Amino acid sequence: MPCYVAFDLLELNGKDLRRQPLEARKRVLARLLRGAEAGNALNANTSPRARSSAQHACSLGYEGIVSKRLARHIVTGAQTVG
């Protein structure tokens, strides 16, 4: 059985959700995942300490983390961290 960990929802039933804040998209995703098969989950983790979280992930051998501001929409295209 496949296992999925969802952290964002960009489209639903043909509707583009990228202009909605992440908080709103996570609420919709949480509703969709209620009653999902075992092994599928919503990653609802949010941390105000993103930089230290990324450094910790890298110290464990991970490539990095996925992080987004809760009140922001998706910005399409290449992004840089400054």
C-alpha atoms as a PDB file:
ATOM      1  CA  MET A   1       0.000   0.000   0.000  1.00  0.00           C
ATOM      2  CA  PRO A   2       1.470   3.417  -0.936  1.00  0.00           C
ATOM      3  CA  CYS A   3       2.051   5.934   1.826  1.00  0.00           C
ATOM      4  CA  TYR A   4       1.662   9.654   1.230  1.00  0.00           C
ATOM      5  CA  VAL A   5       2.453  12.666   3.409  1.00  0.00           C
ATOM      6  CA  ALA A   6       0.686  15.735   2.054  1.00  0.00           C
ATOM      7  CA  PHE A   7       1.844  19.222   2.963  1.00  0.00           C
ATOM      8  CA  ASP A   8       0.022  21.435   0.484  1.00  0.00           C
ATOM      9  CA  LEU A   9      -2.891  21.454  -1.973  1.00  0.00           C
ATOM     10  CA  LEU A  10      -2.414  23.446  -5.175  1.00  0.00           C
ATOM     11  CA  GLU A  11      -5.498  22.405  -7.159  1.00  0.00           C
ATOM     12  CA  LEU A  12      -8.834  20.803  -6.386  1.00  0.00           C
ATOM     13  CA  ASN A  13     -11.387  19.666  -8.966  1.00  0.00           C
ATOM     14  CA  GLY A  14      -9.816  21.881 -11.620  1.00  0.00           C
ATOM     15  CA  LYS A  15      -9.718  24.969  -9.382  1.00  0.00           C
ATOM     16  CA  ASP A  16      -6.291  26.593  -8.935  1.00  0.00           C
ATOM     17  CA  LEU A  17      -5.727  27.176  -5.209  1.00  0.00           C
ATOM     18  CA  ARG A  18      -2.256  28.724  -5.475  1.00  0.00           C
ATOM     19  CA  ARG A  19      -3.538  32.281  -4.880  1.00  0.00           C
ATOM     20  CA  GLN A  20      -5.028  31.242  -1.520  1.00  0.00           C
ATOM     21  CA  PRO A  21      -2.918  31.450   1.643  1.00  0.00           C
ATOM     22  CA  LEU A  22      -1.243  28.238   2.785  1.00  0.00           C
ATOM     23  CA  GLU A  23      -3.414  28.207   5.937  1.00  0.00           C
ATOM     24  CA  ALA A  24      -6.561  28.022   3.805  1.00  0.00           C
ATOM     25  CA  ARG A  25      -5.107  25.336   1.537  1.00  0.00           C
ATOM     26  CA  LYS A  26      -4.078  23.244   4.572  1.00  0.00           C
ATOM     27  CA  ARG A  27      -7.628  23.454   6.000  1.00  0.00           C
ATOM     28  CA  VAL A  28      -9.072  22.124   2.732  1.00  0.00           C
ATOM     29  CA  LEU A  29      -6.420  19.404   2.596  1.00  0.00           C
ATOM     30  CA  ALA A  30      -7.130  18.365   6.197  1.00  0.00           C
ATOM     31  CA  ARG A  31     -10.835  17.962   5.355  1.00  0.00           C
ATOM     32  CA  LEU A  32      -9.967  15.860   2.298  1.00  0.00           C
ATOM     33  CA  LEU A  33      -7.687  13.583   4.319  1.00  0.00           C
ATOM     34  CA  ARG A  34     -10.188  12.878   7.095  1.00  0.00           C
ATOM     35  CA  GLY A  35     -10.945   9.204   6.839  1.00  0.00           C
ATOM     36  CA  ALA A  36      -8.025   8.546   4.491  1.00  0.00           C
ATOM     37  CA  GLU A  37      -6.486   5.086   4.432  1.00  0.00           C
ATOM     38  CA  ALA A  38      -3.920   4.295   7.100  1.00  0.00           C
ATOM     39  CA  GLY A  39      -0.463   5.459   6.109  1.00  0.00           C
ATOM     40  CA  ASN A  40      -1.663   8.688   4.509  1.00  0.00           C
ATOM     41  CA  ALA A  41      -1.274  11.859   6.521  1.00  0.00           C
ATOM     42  CA  LEU A  42      -1.208  15.630   6.514  1.00  0.00           C
ATOM     43  CA  ASN A  43       2.064  17.208   7.548  1.00  0.00           C
ATOM     44  CA  ALA A  44       0.672  20.062   9.607  1.00  0.00           C
ATOM     45  CA  ASN A  45       3.998  20.937  11.202  1.00  0.00           C
ATOM     46  CA  THR A  46       4.729  24.641  11.254  1.00  0.00           C
ATOM     47  CA  SER A  47       7.742  26.186  12.911  1.00  0.00           C
ATOM     48  CA  PRO A  48       8.660  29.821  13.524  1.00  0.00           C
ATOM     49  CA  ARG A  49      12.304  28.686  13.574  1.00  0.00           C
ATOM     50  CA  ALA A  50      12.667  27.671   9.933  1.00  0.00           C
ATOM     51  CA  ARG A  51      16.391  28.423   9.630  1.00  0.00           C
ATOM     52  CA  SER A  52      17.314  26.301  12.657  1.00  0.00           C
ATOM     53  CA  SER A  53      14.952  23.568  11.432  1.00  0.00           C
ATOM     54  CA  ALA A  54      16.716  23.535   8.050  1.00  0.00           C
ATOM     55  CA  GLN A  55      20.139  23.424   9.694  1.00  0.00           C
ATOM     56  CA  HIS A  56      19.030  20.548  11.916  1.00  0.00           C
ATOM     57  CA  ALA A  57      17.647  18.620   8.919  1.00  0.00           C
ATOM     58  CA  CYS A  58      20.943  19.087   7.085  1.00  0.00           C
ATOM     59  CA  SER A  59      22.914  17.916  10.140  1.00  0.00           C
ATOM     60  CA  LEU A  60      20.876  14.681   9.973  1.00  0.00           C
ATOM     61  CA  GLY A  61      21.866  14.176   6.336  1.00  0.00           C
ATOM     62  CA  TYR A  62      18.670  15.467   4.714  1.00  0.00           C
ATOM     63  CA  GLU A  63      18.856  17.805   1.726  1.00  0.00           C
ATOM     64  CA  GLY A  64      16.644  20.397   3.385  1.00  0.00           C
ATOM     65  CA  ILE A  65      13.069  21.170   4.301  1.00  0.00           C
ATOM     66  CA  VAL A  66       9.967  22.511   2.606  1.00  0.00           C
ATOM     67  CA  SER A  67       8.774  25.701   4.230  1.00  0.00           C
ATOM     68  CA  LYS A  68       6.195  28.312   3.384  1.00  0.00           C
ATOM     69  CA  ARG A  69       4.708  31.308   5.161  1.00  0.00           C
ATOM     70  CA  LEU A  70       1.176  30.469   6.317  1.00  0.00           C
ATOM     71  CA  ALA A  71      -0.354  33.716   5.057  1.00  0.00           C
ATOM     72  CA  ARG A  72       1.314  33.610   1.619  1.00  0.00           C
ATOM     73  CA  HIS A  73       0.098  32.244  -1.679  1.00  0.00           C
ATOM     74  CA  ILE A  74       2.224  30.169  -4.070  1.00  0.00           C
ATOM     75  CA  VAL A  75       4.689  32.158  -6.159  1.00  0.00           C
ATOM     76  CA  THR A  76       5.288  30.298  -9.416  1.00  0.00           C
ATOM     77  CA  GLY A  77       8.815  30.115 -10.798  1.00  0.00           C
ATOM     78  CA  ALA A  78      12.331  29.850  -9.429  1.00  0.00           C
ATOM     79  CA  GLN A  79      12.855  31.346  -5.985  1.00  0.00           C
ATOM     80  CA  THR A  80      16.033  32.160  -4.108  1.00  0.00           C
ATOM     81  CA  VAL A  81      16.746  32.399  -0.410  1.00  0.00           C
ATOM     82  CA  GLY A  82      18.502  35.578   0.478  1.00  0.00           C
END
